[in-house]
Amino acid sequence: MAFPRPANFPYKEVFYFDGEIALIKGRYKDSDRDSIGMRWMVGESDLGYPSTFGNAMWMVVPDKLAQYILEGIFRDLEKQRKFVSDFQEFMDSLDFIRTE
């Protein structure tokens, strides 16, 4: 699976992918801090969602929602662990979002 690498949202690795939803931690545009990015890899087109002008993109997840998502994965880690492709990046993202 190829994940987008837009210049306006650089990130280290996709740390979670369950076959449909992918999560990253990166720095969107000129922000002074990291954010959690999310995208659906399935959708109405081969690009998934979101996409703009024929280019696959990442959506910045608001911190409170990102916390709910990451905490939910963590609470169900026994089942979700197989979808966490970079465990250290997942834990770093969870620690980051808990302090925001």
C-alpha atoms as a PDB file:
ATOM      1  CA  MET A   1       0.000   0.000   0.000  1.00  0.00           C
ATOM      2  CA  ALA A   2       1.407   3.369  -1.018  1.00  0.00           C
ATOM      3  CA  PHE A   3       0.762   6.232   1.364  1.00  0.00           C
ATOM      4  CA  PRO A   4       0.888   9.857   0.198  1.00  0.00           C
ATOM      5  CA  ARG A   5       3.887  12.036   1.040  1.00  0.00           C
ATOM      6  CA  PRO A   6       2.649  15.588   0.428  1.00  0.00           C
ATOM      7  CA  ALA A   7       5.254  18.290   0.953  1.00  0.00           C
ATOM      8  CA  ASN A   8       2.883  20.239   3.220  1.00  0.00           C
ATOM      9  CA  PHE A   9       2.548  17.427   5.815  1.00  0.00           C
ATOM     10  CA  PRO A  10       5.893  15.632   6.305  1.00  0.00           C
ATOM     11  CA  TYR A  11       5.908  12.651   8.660  1.00  0.00           C
ATOM     12  CA  LYS A  12       8.213   9.837   9.755  1.00  0.00           C
ATOM     13  CA  GLU A  13       6.078   6.705   9.249  1.00  0.00           C
ATOM     14  CA  VAL A  14       2.504   5.514   9.084  1.00  0.00           C
ATOM     15  CA  PHE A  15       2.184   4.066  12.576  1.00  0.00           C
ATOM     16  CA  TYR A  16      -1.300   2.550  12.268  1.00  0.00           C
ATOM     17  CA  PHE A  17      -3.081   0.955   9.329  1.00  0.00           C
ATOM     18  CA  ASP A  18      -6.002  -1.465   9.655  1.00  0.00           C
ATOM     19  CA  GLY A  19      -6.600  -1.928   5.941  1.00  0.00           C
ATOM     20  CA  GLU A  20      -8.875   1.118   5.735  1.00  0.00           C
ATOM     21  CA  ILE A  21      -7.691   3.813   8.148  1.00  0.00           C
ATOM     22  CA  ALA A  22      -4.118   5.093   8.332  1.00  0.00           C
ATOM     23  CA  LEU A  23      -2.628   7.377  11.022  1.00  0.00           C
ATOM     24  CA  ILE A  24       0.541   9.476  11.111  1.00  0.00           C
ATOM     25  CA  LYS A  25       2.158  12.111  13.316  1.00  0.00           C
ATOM     26  CA  GLY A  26       3.591  15.020  11.346  1.00  0.00           C
ATOM     27  CA  ARG A  27       3.850  18.757  11.043  1.00  0.00           C
ATOM     28  CA  TYR A  28       1.199  20.326   8.816  1.00  0.00           C
ATOM     29  CA  LYS A  29       2.289  23.353   6.756  1.00  0.00           C
ATOM     30  CA  ASP A  30       3.832  26.102   8.890  1.00  0.00           C
ATOM     31  CA  SER A  31       2.515  24.835  12.223  1.00  0.00           C
ATOM     32  CA  ASP A  32       4.819  25.168  15.197  1.00  0.00           C
ATOM     33  CA  ARG A  33       3.862  21.717  16.497  1.00  0.00           C
ATOM     34  CA  ASP A  34       3.012  18.209  15.364  1.00  0.00           C
ATOM     35  CA  SER A  35      -0.496  16.943  14.616  1.00  0.00           C
ATOM     36  CA  ILE A  36      -2.087  13.572  14.054  1.00  0.00           C
ATOM     37  CA  GLY A  37      -3.003  12.946  10.434  1.00  0.00           C
ATOM     38  CA  MET A  38      -5.598  10.461   9.212  1.00  0.00           C
ATOM     39  CA  ARG A  39      -6.935   9.158   5.941  1.00  0.00           C
ATOM     40  CA  TRP A  40      -9.221   6.462   4.642  1.00  0.00           C
ATOM     41  CA  MET A  41      -7.399   4.351   2.099  1.00  0.00           C
ATOM     42  CA  VAL A  42     -10.681   3.151   0.610  1.00  0.00           C
ATOM     43  CA  GLY A  43     -13.295   5.399  -0.851  1.00  0.00           C
ATOM     44  CA  GLU A  44     -15.044   6.504  -3.951  1.00  0.00           C
ATOM     45  CA  SER A  45     -11.784   6.393  -5.924  1.00  0.00           C
ATOM     46  CA  ASP A  46      -8.437   4.605  -5.831  1.00  0.00           C
ATOM     47  CA  LEU A  47      -6.999   7.663  -4.078  1.00  0.00           C
ATOM     48  CA  GLY A  48      -8.937   7.113  -0.868  1.00  0.00           C
ATOM     49  CA  TYR A  49     -10.068  10.097   1.184  1.00  0.00           C
ATOM     50  CA  PRO A  50      -9.211  12.905   1.451  1.00  0.00           C
ATOM     51  CA  SER A  51      -7.868  13.849  -1.947  1.00  0.00           C
ATOM     52  CA  THR A  52      -7.545  17.220  -3.632  1.00  0.00           C
ATOM     53  CA  PHE A  53      -7.136  17.882  -7.343  1.00  0.00           C
ATOM     54  CA  GLY A  54      -6.261  14.239  -7.979  1.00  0.00           C
ATOM     55  CA  ASN A  55      -3.711  14.018  -5.148  1.00  0.00           C
ATOM     56  CA  ALA A  56      -4.098  11.895  -2.037  1.00  0.00           C
ATOM     57  CA  MET A  57      -3.846  13.983   1.152  1.00  0.00           C
ATOM     58  CA  TRP A  58      -3.865  13.627   4.942  1.00  0.00           C
ATOM     59  CA  MET A  59      -6.490  15.220   7.157  1.00  0.00           C
ATOM     60  CA  VAL A  60      -5.327  16.942  10.353  1.00  0.00           C
ATOM     61  CA  VAL A  61      -7.291  15.435  13.228  1.00  0.00           C
ATOM     62  CA  PRO A  62      -8.213  17.930  15.988  1.00  0.00           C
ATOM     63  CA  ASP A  63      -6.315  17.120  19.190  1.00  0.00           C
ATOM     64  CA  LYS A  64      -9.357  16.091  21.253  1.00  0.00           C
ATOM     65  CA  LEU A  65     -10.592  13.721  18.557  1.00  0.00           C
ATOM     66  CA  ALA A  66      -7.062  12.383  18.022  1.00  0.00           C
ATOM     67  CA  GLN A  67      -6.870  11.647  21.740  1.00  0.00           C
ATOM     68  CA  TYR A  68     -10.110   9.641  21.606  1.00  0.00           C
ATOM     69  CA  ILE A  69      -8.881   7.689  18.584  1.00  0.00           C
ATOM     70  CA  LEU A  70      -5.441   6.875  20.018  1.00  0.00           C
ATOM     71  CA  GLU A  71      -6.788   6.095  23.490  1.00  0.00           C
ATOM     72  CA  GLY A  72      -9.356   3.772  21.893  1.00  0.00           C
ATOM     73  CA  ILE A  73      -6.617   1.898  20.039  1.00  0.00           C
ATOM     74  CA  PHE A  74      -4.560   1.723  23.243  1.00  0.00           C
ATOM     75  CA  ARG A  75      -7.484   0.394  25.318  1.00  0.00           C
ATOM     76  CA  ASP A  76      -8.030  -2.369  22.754  1.00  0.00           C
ATOM     77  CA  LEU A  77      -4.325  -2.925  22.088  1.00  0.00           C
ATOM     78  CA  GLU A  78      -4.545  -6.704  22.328  1.00  0.00           C
ATOM     79  CA  LYS A  79      -6.733  -6.730  19.192  1.00  0.00           C
ATOM     80  CA  GLN A  80      -5.338  -3.563  17.587  1.00  0.00           C
ATOM     81  CA  ARG A  81      -1.622  -4.422  17.968  1.00  0.00           C
ATOM     82  CA  LYS A  82      -1.557  -6.210  14.598  1.00  0.00           C
ATOM     83  CA  PHE A  83      -2.461  -2.890  12.910  1.00  0.00           C
ATOM     84  CA  VAL A  84       0.232  -0.859  14.694  1.00  0.00           C
ATOM     85  CA  SER A  85       3.112  -0.944  12.212  1.00  0.00           C
ATOM     86  CA  ASP A  86       5.447   1.282  14.242  1.00  0.00           C
ATOM     87  CA  PHE A  87       4.797   0.720  17.942  1.00  0.00           C
ATOM     88  CA  GLN A  88       7.291   3.352  19.121  1.00  0.00           C
ATOM     89  CA  GLU A  89       5.760   5.998  16.844  1.00  0.00           C
ATOM     90  CA  PHE A  90       2.292   5.028  18.109  1.00  0.00           C
ATOM     91  CA  MET A  91       3.379   5.393  21.746  1.00  0.00           C
ATOM     92  CA  ASP A  92       5.173   8.680  20.990  1.00  0.00           C
ATOM     93  CA  SER A  93       1.989   9.951  19.320  1.00  0.00           C
ATOM     94  CA  LEU A  94      -0.122   8.850  22.275  1.00  0.00           C
ATOM     95  CA  ASP A  95       2.230  10.581  24.734  1.00  0.00           C
ATOM     96  CA  PHE A  96       2.260  13.692  22.547  1.00  0.00           C
ATOM     97  CA  ILE A  97      -1.525  13.931  22.279  1.00  0.00           C
ATOM     98  CA  ARG A  98      -1.982  13.269  26.020  1.00  0.00           C
ATOM     99  CA  THR A  99       0.125  16.350  26.823  1.00  0.00           C
ATOM    100  CA  GLU A 100      -1.717  18.673  24.450  1.00  0.00           C
END
